[in-house]
Amino acid sequence: MAFLTPKEILDIVVMTFAIGYIFSDLFQKKPEENYDPLNYYQKNRKWENIKHAAMITAPAVVLHELAHKIAAVSFGATATLHAPYGWYAIVILLKMLNFPLLFFVGGYVSHTALPALQSAVVAIAGPATNFILWALAVAAVKNKWIDRKYYVIAIPLGKINMFLGFFNIIPLPGFDGSNFINSILRAFF
């Protein structure tokens, strides 16, 4: 059986474009050096901004969710990655109406039941992935592992992963932090 089903691949593609669109105003593509301002501002920049925002935000969300799936599958569970189409529709509609973006659900993974400690590992796998991506982005910039022209992707990629890592470990119901703590409590009490 394949690790990702065709439906999950479709969900990842939808996730990537939806996230790119939702964050396209926050992560706009800057003009390159020696650009022609008249040519630059005459073009519709929307598609470029969507692609740029997707390159920054989609890896944070997609790899976070894939980490949950990999952890669950590694423990023998059946796991499925989902794009929350309803949430995307609501957030995209609110964005089109110029509402401020207050909350966003990137995706989720459903899986069959696991013992408590294994569930804790599955819950923390996503935020741990964000922290690893944050550390890699910081190291890549600090140690000059990448060309300076890629800093426009690496720096915000690091920041969004830091934010998502900390945001997801908040111990409120529905967040990975709550699932982690509840699983730990179930295991030991």
N, C-alpha and C. Protein backbone atom coordinates (compact mmCIF):
# COMPACT_ATOMS: atom_id res chain seq x y z
N MET A 1 0.83 -1.18 0.00
CA MET A 1 0.00 0.00 0.00
C MET A 1 0.88 1.25 0.00
N ALA A 2 0.52 2.24 -0.77
CA ALA A 2 1.29 3.49 -0.88
C ALA A 2 1.19 4.29 0.42
N PHE A 3 2.26 5.03 0.73
CA PHE A 3 2.27 5.85 1.94
C PHE A 3 1.23 6.96 1.85
N LEU A 4 1.11 7.58 0.67
CA LEU A 4 0.11 8.63 0.45
C LEU A 4 -0.89 8.16 -0.60
N THR A 5 -2.16 8.34 -0.29
CA THR A 5 -3.21 8.00 -1.25
C THR A 5 -3.38 9.16 -2.24
N PRO A 6 -4.02 8.90 -3.38
CA PRO A 6 -4.29 10.01 -4.31
C PRO A 6 -5.08 11.15 -3.65
N LYS A 7 -6.01 10.83 -2.77
CA LYS A 7 -6.78 11.86 -2.05
C LYS A 7 -5.87 12.69 -1.16
N GLU A 8 -4.91 12.06 -0.49
CA GLU A 8 -3.98 12.80 0.35
C GLU A 8 -3.06 13.70 -0.49
N ILE A 9 -2.65 13.22 -1.64
CA ILE A 9 -1.83 14.04 -2.53
C ILE A 9 -2.63 15.25 -3.00
N LEU A 10 -3.89 15.04 -3.36
CA LEU A 10 -4.77 16.15 -3.73
C LEU A 10 -4.90 17.13 -2.56
N ASP A 11 -5.08 16.61 -1.35
CA ASP A 11 -5.21 17.47 -0.17
C ASP A 11 -3.94 18.29 0.05
N ILE A 12 -2.77 17.70 -0.19
CA ILE A 12 -1.51 18.44 -0.04
C ILE A 12 -1.42 19.56 -1.07
N VAL A 13 -1.84 19.28 -2.31
CA VAL A 13 -1.83 20.30 -3.36
C VAL A 13 -2.80 21.43 -2.99
N VAL A 14 -4.01 21.08 -2.57
CA VAL A 14 -4.99 22.09 -2.17
C VAL A 14 -4.46 22.88 -0.97
N MET A 15 -3.87 22.17 -0.01
CA MET A 15 -3.30 22.81 1.17
C MET A 15 -2.25 23.85 0.77
N THR A 16 -1.38 23.47 -0.15
CA THR A 16 -0.30 24.35 -0.60
C THR A 16 -0.85 25.61 -1.24
N PHE A 17 -1.80 25.47 -2.17
CA PHE A 17 -2.35 26.64 -2.84
C PHE A 17 -3.22 27.48 -1.91
N ALA A 18 -4.02 26.84 -1.05
CA ALA A 18 -4.87 27.59 -0.12
C ALA A 18 -4.01 28.39 0.85
N ILE A 19 -2.98 27.77 1.40
CA ILE A 19 -2.09 28.45 2.34
C ILE A 19 -1.34 29.58 1.63
N GLY A 20 -0.90 29.31 0.42
CA GLY A 20 -0.22 30.35 -0.37
C GLY A 20 -1.12 31.55 -0.59
N TYR A 21 -2.38 31.29 -0.94
CA TYR A 21 -3.32 32.40 -1.16
C TYR A 21 -3.60 33.14 0.15
N ILE A 22 -3.86 32.39 1.20
CA ILE A 22 -4.22 33.01 2.49
C ILE A 22 -3.10 33.92 3.00
N PHE A 23 -1.85 33.52 2.81
CA PHE A 23 -0.72 34.29 3.33
C PHE A 23 -0.04 35.16 2.26
N SER A 24 -0.66 35.29 1.08
CA SER A 24 -0.02 36.02 -0.01
C SER A 24 0.16 37.51 0.26
N ASP A 25 -0.64 38.08 1.12
CA ASP A 25 -0.46 39.50 1.47
C ASP A 25 0.62 39.67 2.54
N LEU A 26 0.78 38.68 3.39
CA LEU A 26 1.77 38.75 4.46
C LEU A 26 3.18 38.50 3.93
N PHE A 27 3.33 37.56 3.00
CA PHE A 27 4.64 37.21 2.43
C PHE A 27 4.66 37.56 0.95
N GLN A 28 4.78 38.82 0.65
CA GLN A 28 4.80 39.26 -0.74
C GLN A 28 6.21 39.16 -1.31
N LYS A 29 6.26 38.81 -2.60
CA LYS A 29 7.54 38.71 -3.28
C LYS A 29 8.09 40.11 -3.54
N LYS A 30 9.31 40.33 -3.11
CA LYS A 30 9.98 41.62 -3.31
C LYS A 30 10.59 41.66 -4.71
N PRO A 31 10.72 42.86 -5.28
CA PRO A 31 11.35 42.95 -6.60
C PRO A 31 12.83 42.55 -6.54
N GLU A 32 13.30 41.96 -7.61
CA GLU A 32 14.70 41.55 -7.69
C GLU A 32 15.57 42.77 -7.96
N GLU A 33 16.86 42.61 -7.77
CA GLU A 33 17.80 43.71 -8.04
C GLU A 33 17.74 44.07 -9.52
N ASN A 34 17.97 45.34 -9.81
CA ASN A 34 18.00 45.86 -11.18
C ASN A 34 16.68 45.62 -11.93
N TYR A 35 15.56 45.71 -11.21
CA TYR A 35 14.27 45.51 -11.86
C TYR A 35 13.80 46.81 -12.51
N ASP A 36 12.91 46.67 -13.47
CA ASP A 36 12.30 47.82 -14.13
C ASP A 36 11.01 48.15 -13.37
N PRO A 37 10.96 49.25 -12.63
CA PRO A 37 9.77 49.57 -11.81
C PRO A 37 8.49 49.68 -12.64
N LEU A 38 8.58 50.26 -13.84
CA LEU A 38 7.37 50.38 -14.65
C LEU A 38 6.82 49.01 -15.04
N ASN A 39 7.69 48.13 -15.45
CA ASN A 39 7.28 46.78 -15.81
C ASN A 39 6.79 46.01 -14.58
N TYR A 40 7.48 46.16 -13.46
CA TYR A 40 7.14 45.43 -12.24
C TYR A 40 5.74 45.78 -11.75
N TYR A 41 5.41 47.07 -11.70
CA TYR A 41 4.14 47.49 -11.14
C TYR A 41 2.98 47.42 -12.14
N GLN A 42 3.25 47.20 -13.41
CA GLN A 42 2.18 47.04 -14.39
C GLN A 42 1.63 45.62 -14.38
N LYS A 43 2.42 44.67 -13.94
CA LYS A 43 1.99 43.28 -13.92
C LYS A 43 1.13 43.00 -12.71
N ASN A 44 0.27 42.01 -12.85
CA ASN A 44 -0.51 41.53 -11.72
C ASN A 44 0.41 40.65 -10.87
N ARG A 45 0.72 41.07 -9.68
CA ARG A 45 1.67 40.38 -8.81
C ARG A 45 1.01 39.29 -7.98
N LYS A 46 -0.30 39.13 -8.08
CA LYS A 46 -1.02 38.20 -7.19
C LYS A 46 -0.47 36.77 -7.27
N TRP A 47 -0.31 36.24 -8.50
CA TRP A 47 0.17 34.87 -8.65
C TRP A 47 1.58 34.72 -8.09
N GLU A 48 2.45 35.70 -8.33
CA GLU A 48 3.82 35.66 -7.80
C GLU A 48 3.80 35.65 -6.28
N ASN A 49 2.92 36.45 -5.69
CA ASN A 49 2.81 36.50 -4.23
C ASN A 49 2.27 35.19 -3.66
N ILE A 50 1.32 34.56 -4.35
CA ILE A 50 0.79 33.28 -3.90
C ILE A 50 1.90 32.22 -3.93
N LYS A 51 2.65 32.15 -5.01
CA LYS A 51 3.75 31.18 -5.11
C LYS A 51 4.80 31.44 -4.03
N HIS A 52 5.15 32.70 -3.83
CA HIS A 52 6.16 33.06 -2.83
C HIS A 52 5.68 32.68 -1.42
N ALA A 53 4.44 33.02 -1.09
CA ALA A 53 3.89 32.69 0.22
C ALA A 53 3.79 31.18 0.41
N ALA A 54 3.45 30.46 -0.65
CA ALA A 54 3.37 28.99 -0.56
C ALA A 54 4.74 28.37 -0.30
N MET A 55 5.79 28.93 -0.91
CA MET A 55 7.14 28.40 -0.68
C MET A 55 7.57 28.60 0.78
N ILE A 56 7.05 29.62 1.43
CA ILE A 56 7.41 29.91 2.81
C ILE A 56 6.54 29.13 3.79
N THR A 57 5.24 29.15 3.58
CA THR A 57 4.32 28.61 4.59
C THR A 57 3.93 27.14 4.38
N ALA A 58 3.82 26.70 3.15
CA ALA A 58 3.37 25.32 2.90
C ALA A 58 4.31 24.27 3.49
N PRO A 59 5.64 24.42 3.36
CA PRO A 59 6.49 23.39 3.98
C PRO A 59 6.26 23.28 5.49
N ALA A 60 6.03 24.40 6.15
CA ALA A 60 5.81 24.37 7.60
C ALA A 60 4.57 23.55 7.94
N VAL A 61 3.50 23.75 7.19
CA VAL A 61 2.24 23.07 7.49
C VAL A 61 2.25 21.63 6.97
N VAL A 62 2.64 21.43 5.73
CA VAL A 62 2.61 20.09 5.13
C VAL A 62 3.56 19.14 5.84
N LEU A 63 4.79 19.58 6.12
CA LEU A 63 5.75 18.70 6.81
C LEU A 63 5.33 18.45 8.25
N HIS A 64 4.69 19.42 8.88
CA HIS A 64 4.14 19.24 10.23
C HIS A 64 3.12 18.08 10.21
N GLU A 65 2.19 18.14 9.27
CA GLU A 65 1.16 17.10 9.20
C GLU A 65 1.74 15.75 8.77
N LEU A 66 2.69 15.76 7.84
CA LEU A 66 3.33 14.50 7.44
C LEU A 66 4.09 13.87 8.61
N ALA A 67 4.65 14.69 9.49
CA ALA A 67 5.34 14.15 10.67
C ALA A 67 4.37 13.41 11.57
N HIS A 68 3.17 13.97 11.76
CA HIS A 68 2.14 13.25 12.53
C HIS A 68 1.83 11.91 11.87
N LYS A 69 1.66 11.92 10.55
CA LYS A 69 1.32 10.70 9.83
C LYS A 69 2.45 9.67 9.93
N ILE A 70 3.68 10.11 9.71
CA ILE A 70 4.83 9.19 9.78
C ILE A 70 4.94 8.57 11.17
N ALA A 71 4.76 9.38 12.20
CA ALA A 71 4.84 8.86 13.57
C ALA A 71 3.74 7.83 13.82
N ALA A 72 2.52 8.14 13.42
CA ALA A 72 1.41 7.21 13.64
C ALA A 72 1.61 5.90 12.88
N VAL A 73 2.00 6.02 11.61
CA VAL A 73 2.22 4.83 10.79
C VAL A 73 3.38 3.99 11.34
N SER A 74 4.41 4.66 11.85
CA SER A 74 5.56 3.92 12.38
C SER A 74 5.17 3.08 13.60
N PHE A 75 4.09 3.47 14.28
CA PHE A 75 3.60 2.67 15.42
C PHE A 75 2.54 1.67 15.00
N GLY A 76 2.30 1.54 13.70
CA GLY A 76 1.36 0.55 13.21
C GLY A 76 -0.06 1.04 13.03
N ALA A 77 -0.31 2.32 13.25
CA ALA A 77 -1.65 2.86 13.09
C ALA A 77 -1.93 3.13 11.61
N THR A 78 -3.19 3.18 11.28
CA THR A 78 -3.61 3.64 9.96
C THR A 78 -3.86 5.13 10.12
N ALA A 79 -3.18 5.94 9.31
CA ALA A 79 -3.28 7.39 9.44
C ALA A 79 -3.60 8.02 8.10
N THR A 80 -4.42 9.07 8.14
CA THR A 80 -4.82 9.77 6.93
C THR A 80 -4.64 11.27 7.12
N LEU A 81 -3.96 11.91 6.18
CA LEU A 81 -3.78 13.35 6.18
C LEU A 81 -5.00 13.99 5.52
N HIS A 82 -5.48 15.09 6.10
CA HIS A 82 -6.67 15.77 5.57
C HIS A 82 -6.41 17.27 5.42
N ALA A 83 -6.94 17.84 4.36
CA ALA A 83 -6.99 19.30 4.22
C ALA A 83 -8.38 19.71 4.69
N PRO A 84 -8.47 20.70 5.58
CA PRO A 84 -9.78 21.12 6.08
C PRO A 84 -10.47 22.09 5.09
N TYR A 85 -11.10 21.52 4.08
CA TYR A 85 -11.69 22.32 3.01
C TYR A 85 -12.67 23.38 3.53
N GLY A 86 -13.47 23.02 4.52
CA GLY A 86 -14.43 23.97 5.08
C GLY A 86 -13.74 25.17 5.72
N TRP A 87 -12.69 24.91 6.50
CA TRP A 87 -11.93 26.00 7.11
C TRP A 87 -11.27 26.87 6.05
N TYR A 88 -10.71 26.24 5.02
CA TYR A 88 -10.09 27.01 3.94
C TYR A 88 -11.12 27.93 3.30
N ALA A 89 -12.31 27.41 3.02
CA ALA A 89 -13.36 28.22 2.39
C ALA A 89 -13.72 29.41 3.27
N ILE A 90 -13.84 29.18 4.57
CA ILE A 90 -14.19 30.28 5.49
C ILE A 90 -13.08 31.32 5.52
N VAL A 91 -11.83 30.88 5.68
CA VAL A 91 -10.71 31.82 5.79
C VAL A 91 -10.51 32.57 4.47
N ILE A 92 -10.64 31.88 3.34
CA ILE A 92 -10.49 32.54 2.03
C ILE A 92 -11.61 33.57 1.84
N LEU A 93 -12.83 33.23 2.22
CA LEU A 93 -13.95 34.17 2.12
C LEU A 93 -13.68 35.39 3.01
N LEU A 94 -13.25 35.17 4.24
CA LEU A 94 -12.94 36.28 5.14
C LEU A 94 -11.81 37.15 4.58
N LYS A 95 -10.82 36.52 3.97
CA LYS A 95 -9.71 37.27 3.35
C LYS A 95 -10.24 38.13 2.21
N MET A 96 -11.11 37.56 1.38
CA MET A 96 -11.68 38.32 0.26
C MET A 96 -12.52 39.51 0.76
N LEU A 97 -13.09 39.37 1.96
CA LEU A 97 -13.89 40.45 2.55
C LEU A 97 -13.02 41.39 3.40
N ASN A 98 -11.70 41.20 3.33
CA ASN A 98 -10.73 42.03 4.06
C ASN A 98 -10.85 41.95 5.57
N PHE A 99 -11.28 40.79 6.08
CA PHE A 99 -11.27 40.58 7.53
C PHE A 99 -9.85 40.23 7.94
N PRO A 100 -9.47 40.61 9.16
CA PRO A 100 -8.14 40.20 9.63
C PRO A 100 -8.12 38.69 9.86
N LEU A 101 -6.99 38.08 9.59
CA LEU A 101 -6.85 36.64 9.78
C LEU A 101 -6.61 36.38 11.26
N LEU A 102 -7.59 35.80 11.93
CA LEU A 102 -7.49 35.58 13.36
C LEU A 102 -7.07 34.16 13.72
N PHE A 103 -7.50 33.19 12.95
CA PHE A 103 -7.20 31.79 13.26
C PHE A 103 -7.15 31.01 11.96
N PHE A 104 -6.28 30.02 11.93
CA PHE A 104 -6.10 29.25 10.71
C PHE A 104 -5.83 27.79 11.05
N VAL A 105 -6.52 26.88 10.40
CA VAL A 105 -6.27 25.45 10.56
C VAL A 105 -5.60 24.98 9.28
N GLY A 106 -4.34 24.54 9.38
CA GLY A 106 -3.58 24.15 8.21
C GLY A 106 -3.93 22.79 7.68
N GLY A 107 -4.20 21.86 8.55
CA GLY A 107 -4.50 20.50 8.16
C GLY A 107 -4.58 19.64 9.41
N TYR A 108 -4.87 18.38 9.24
CA TYR A 108 -4.89 17.47 10.38
C TYR A 108 -4.71 16.04 9.89
N VAL A 109 -4.32 15.17 10.82
CA VAL A 109 -4.14 13.76 10.54
C VAL A 109 -5.03 12.97 11.49
N SER A 110 -5.85 12.10 10.93
CA SER A 110 -6.64 11.19 11.75
C SER A 110 -5.92 9.84 11.73
N HIS A 111 -5.97 9.14 12.86
CA HIS A 111 -5.33 7.82 12.91
C HIS A 111 -6.08 6.90 13.85
N THR A 112 -5.87 5.61 13.67
CA THR A 112 -6.48 4.62 14.55
C THR A 112 -5.87 4.74 15.94
N ALA A 113 -6.55 4.19 16.91
CA ALA A 113 -6.14 4.31 18.31
C ALA A 113 -4.75 3.73 18.55
N LEU A 114 -4.01 4.41 19.41
CA LEU A 114 -2.66 3.99 19.80
C LEU A 114 -2.55 4.05 21.31
N PRO A 115 -1.62 3.30 21.90
CA PRO A 115 -1.38 3.45 23.33
C PRO A 115 -0.97 4.88 23.66
N ALA A 116 -1.12 5.25 24.93
CA ALA A 116 -0.94 6.64 25.35
C ALA A 116 0.43 7.22 25.00
N LEU A 117 1.51 6.53 25.29
CA LEU A 117 2.84 7.09 25.01
C LEU A 117 3.08 7.24 23.51
N GLN A 118 2.59 6.30 22.74
CA GLN A 118 2.72 6.42 21.29
C GLN A 118 1.89 7.59 20.77
N SER A 119 0.71 7.80 21.34
CA SER A 119 -0.12 8.96 20.97
C SER A 119 0.59 10.26 21.31
N ALA A 120 1.33 10.27 22.42
CA ALA A 120 2.09 11.47 22.80
C ALA A 120 3.17 11.77 21.76
N VAL A 121 3.84 10.73 21.29
CA VAL A 121 4.87 10.91 20.26
C VAL A 121 4.24 11.44 18.97
N VAL A 122 3.11 10.89 18.59
CA VAL A 122 2.42 11.35 17.38
C VAL A 122 2.03 12.83 17.53
N ALA A 123 1.54 13.21 18.71
CA ALA A 123 1.11 14.59 18.94
C ALA A 123 2.28 15.57 18.86
N ILE A 124 3.42 15.19 19.40
CA ILE A 124 4.56 16.11 19.45
C ILE A 124 5.38 16.10 18.16
N ALA A 125 5.17 15.12 17.29
CA ALA A 125 5.96 15.00 16.05
C ALA A 125 5.81 16.23 15.15
N GLY A 126 4.62 16.78 15.05
CA GLY A 126 4.41 17.96 14.20
C GLY A 126 5.17 19.18 14.70
N PRO A 127 4.94 19.60 15.96
CA PRO A 127 5.70 20.74 16.48
C PRO A 127 7.21 20.49 16.48
N ALA A 128 7.62 19.27 16.76
CA ALA A 128 9.06 18.97 16.73
C ALA A 128 9.63 19.19 15.33
N THR A 129 8.87 18.83 14.31
CA THR A 129 9.29 19.07 12.94
C THR A 129 9.43 20.56 12.66
N ASN A 130 8.48 21.36 13.17
CA ASN A 130 8.58 22.81 12.99
C ASN A 130 9.82 23.36 13.68
N PHE A 131 10.14 22.86 14.87
CA PHE A 131 11.34 23.34 15.57
C PHE A 131 12.62 22.94 14.83
N ILE A 132 12.62 21.75 14.24
CA ILE A 132 13.78 21.31 13.45
C ILE A 132 13.94 22.19 12.21
N LEU A 133 12.84 22.47 11.52
CA LEU A 133 12.89 23.34 10.33
C LEU A 133 13.34 24.76 10.71
N TRP A 134 12.89 25.24 11.85
CA TRP A 134 13.32 26.55 12.35
C TRP A 134 14.82 26.56 12.57
N ALA A 135 15.33 25.53 13.27
CA ALA A 135 16.77 25.43 13.54
C ALA A 135 17.57 25.33 12.25
N LEU A 136 17.08 24.56 11.29
CA LEU A 136 17.79 24.42 10.01
C LEU A 136 17.83 25.74 9.25
N ALA A 137 16.72 26.48 9.26
CA ALA A 137 16.69 27.77 8.57
C ALA A 137 17.65 28.75 9.22
N VAL A 138 17.67 28.78 10.56
CA VAL A 138 18.60 29.67 11.28
C VAL A 138 20.04 29.28 10.98
N ALA A 139 20.32 27.99 11.03
CA ALA A 139 21.69 27.51 10.77
C ALA A 139 22.11 27.80 9.33
N ALA A 140 21.18 27.63 8.38
CA ALA A 140 21.50 27.88 6.97
C ALA A 140 21.88 29.34 6.73
N VAL A 141 21.19 30.24 7.40
CA VAL A 141 21.49 31.67 7.24
C VAL A 141 22.75 32.03 8.02
N LYS A 142 22.81 31.61 9.27
CA LYS A 142 23.94 31.96 10.13
C LYS A 142 25.27 31.41 9.60
N ASN A 143 25.26 30.19 9.12
CA ASN A 143 26.48 29.55 8.64
C ASN A 143 26.71 29.73 7.14
N LYS A 144 25.81 30.49 6.52
CA LYS A 144 25.91 30.79 5.08
C LYS A 144 25.95 29.52 4.22
N TRP A 145 25.09 28.56 4.57
CA TRP A 145 24.97 27.33 3.79
C TRP A 145 24.25 27.57 2.48
N ILE A 146 23.51 28.66 2.41
CA ILE A 146 22.75 28.98 1.20
C ILE A 146 23.17 30.37 0.71
N ASP A 147 22.96 30.60 -0.56
CA ASP A 147 23.27 31.90 -1.16
C ASP A 147 22.36 32.97 -0.55
N ARG A 148 22.88 34.16 -0.41
CA ARG A 148 22.14 35.27 0.20
C ARG A 148 20.80 35.54 -0.49
N LYS A 149 20.71 35.28 -1.78
CA LYS A 149 19.45 35.55 -2.50
C LYS A 149 18.29 34.68 -2.00
N TYR A 150 18.60 33.57 -1.31
CA TYR A 150 17.55 32.69 -0.78
C TYR A 150 17.14 33.06 0.64
N TYR A 151 17.75 34.09 1.21
CA TYR A 151 17.37 34.53 2.56
C TYR A 151 15.92 35.01 2.60
N VAL A 152 15.42 35.54 1.47
CA VAL A 152 14.03 36.02 1.43
C VAL A 152 13.04 34.87 1.65
N ILE A 153 13.48 33.65 1.44
CA ILE A 153 12.65 32.47 1.73
C ILE A 153 13.06 31.89 3.08
N ALA A 154 14.35 31.71 3.33
CA ALA A 154 14.84 31.02 4.52
C ALA A 154 14.48 31.74 5.82
N ILE A 155 14.60 33.06 5.85
CA ILE A 155 14.33 33.79 7.10
C ILE A 155 12.86 33.72 7.49
N PRO A 156 11.92 34.06 6.59
CA PRO A 156 10.51 33.92 7.00
C PRO A 156 10.10 32.46 7.20
N LEU A 157 10.72 31.53 6.46
CA LEU A 157 10.43 30.10 6.67
C LEU A 157 10.81 29.70 8.09
N GLY A 158 11.95 30.17 8.56
CA GLY A 158 12.35 29.90 9.94
C GLY A 158 11.38 30.50 10.94
N LYS A 159 10.98 31.74 10.70
CA LYS A 159 10.07 32.42 11.62
C LYS A 159 8.70 31.75 11.69
N ILE A 160 8.16 31.37 10.53
CA ILE A 160 6.83 30.73 10.53
C ILE A 160 6.89 29.37 11.21
N ASN A 161 8.01 28.65 11.04
CA ASN A 161 8.15 27.36 11.72
C ASN A 161 8.29 27.55 13.22
N MET A 162 9.02 28.57 13.66
CA MET A 162 9.13 28.86 15.09
C MET A 162 7.73 29.15 15.65
N PHE A 163 6.99 30.02 14.96
CA PHE A 163 5.65 30.38 15.41
C PHE A 163 4.75 29.15 15.49
N LEU A 164 4.72 28.35 14.42
CA LEU A 164 3.85 27.17 14.40
C LEU A 164 4.25 26.14 15.46
N GLY A 165 5.55 25.99 15.69
CA GLY A 165 6.00 25.06 16.72
C GLY A 165 5.48 25.47 18.09
N PHE A 166 5.69 26.74 18.46
CA PHE A 166 5.23 27.21 19.77
C PHE A 166 3.71 27.27 19.84
N PHE A 167 3.07 27.72 18.76
CA PHE A 167 1.61 27.83 18.73
C PHE A 167 0.96 26.46 18.94
N ASN A 168 1.51 25.44 18.29
CA ASN A 168 0.91 24.11 18.37
C ASN A 168 1.15 23.40 19.69
N ILE A 169 2.11 23.85 20.49
CA ILE A 169 2.32 23.19 21.79
C ILE A 169 1.51 23.85 22.91
N ILE A 170 0.70 24.83 22.56
CA ILE A 170 -0.20 25.42 23.56
C ILE A 170 -1.15 24.32 24.04
N PRO A 171 -1.27 24.13 25.35
CA PRO A 171 -2.11 23.04 25.85
C PRO A 171 -3.60 23.39 25.92
N LEU A 172 -4.17 23.76 24.79
CA LEU A 172 -5.61 24.01 24.68
C LEU A 172 -6.22 22.89 23.84
N PRO A 173 -7.47 22.51 24.14
CA PRO A 173 -8.11 21.43 23.37
C PRO A 173 -8.05 21.70 21.87
N GLY A 174 -7.72 20.66 21.13
CA GLY A 174 -7.59 20.74 19.68
C GLY A 174 -6.17 21.01 19.22
N PHE A 175 -5.30 21.43 20.12
CA PHE A 175 -3.91 21.70 19.77
C PHE A 175 -3.06 20.48 20.10
N ASP A 176 -1.92 20.38 19.44
CA ASP A 176 -1.01 19.25 19.67
C ASP A 176 -0.53 19.21 21.12
N GLY A 177 -0.34 20.36 21.73
CA GLY A 177 0.11 20.42 23.12
C GLY A 177 -0.88 19.77 24.06
N SER A 178 -2.16 20.00 23.84
CA SER A 178 -3.20 19.38 24.66
C SER A 178 -3.23 17.87 24.45
N ASN A 179 -3.13 17.44 23.18
CA ASN A 179 -3.10 16.00 22.90
C ASN A 179 -1.89 15.34 23.54
N PHE A 180 -0.75 16.01 23.51
CA PHE A 180 0.48 15.48 24.12
C PHE A 180 0.31 15.34 25.63
N ILE A 181 -0.14 16.39 26.29
CA ILE A 181 -0.30 16.35 27.75
C ILE A 181 -1.34 15.32 28.16
N ASN A 182 -2.48 15.27 27.45
CA ASN A 182 -3.51 14.28 27.78
C ASN A 182 -2.98 12.86 27.61
N SER A 183 -2.19 12.62 26.58
CA SER A 183 -1.62 11.29 26.36
C SER A 183 -0.63 10.93 27.46
N ILE A 184 0.21 11.88 27.86
CA ILE A 184 1.15 11.64 28.96
C ILE A 184 0.40 11.35 30.25
N LEU A 185 -0.63 12.12 30.54
CA LEU A 185 -1.42 11.90 31.76
C LEU A 185 -2.09 10.53 31.74
N ARG A 186 -2.62 10.13 30.57
CA ARG A 186 -3.24 8.80 30.43
C ARG A 186 -2.21 7.70 30.67
N ALA A 187 -0.99 7.92 30.24
CA ALA A 187 0.04 6.90 30.37
C ALA A 187 0.49 6.69 31.81
N PHE A 188 0.52 7.75 32.59
CA PHE A 188 1.09 7.64 33.93
C PHE A 188 0.08 7.77 35.06
N PHE A 189 -1.16 8.13 34.76
CA PHE A 189 -2.14 8.28 35.85
C PHE A 189 -3.42 7.59 35.55
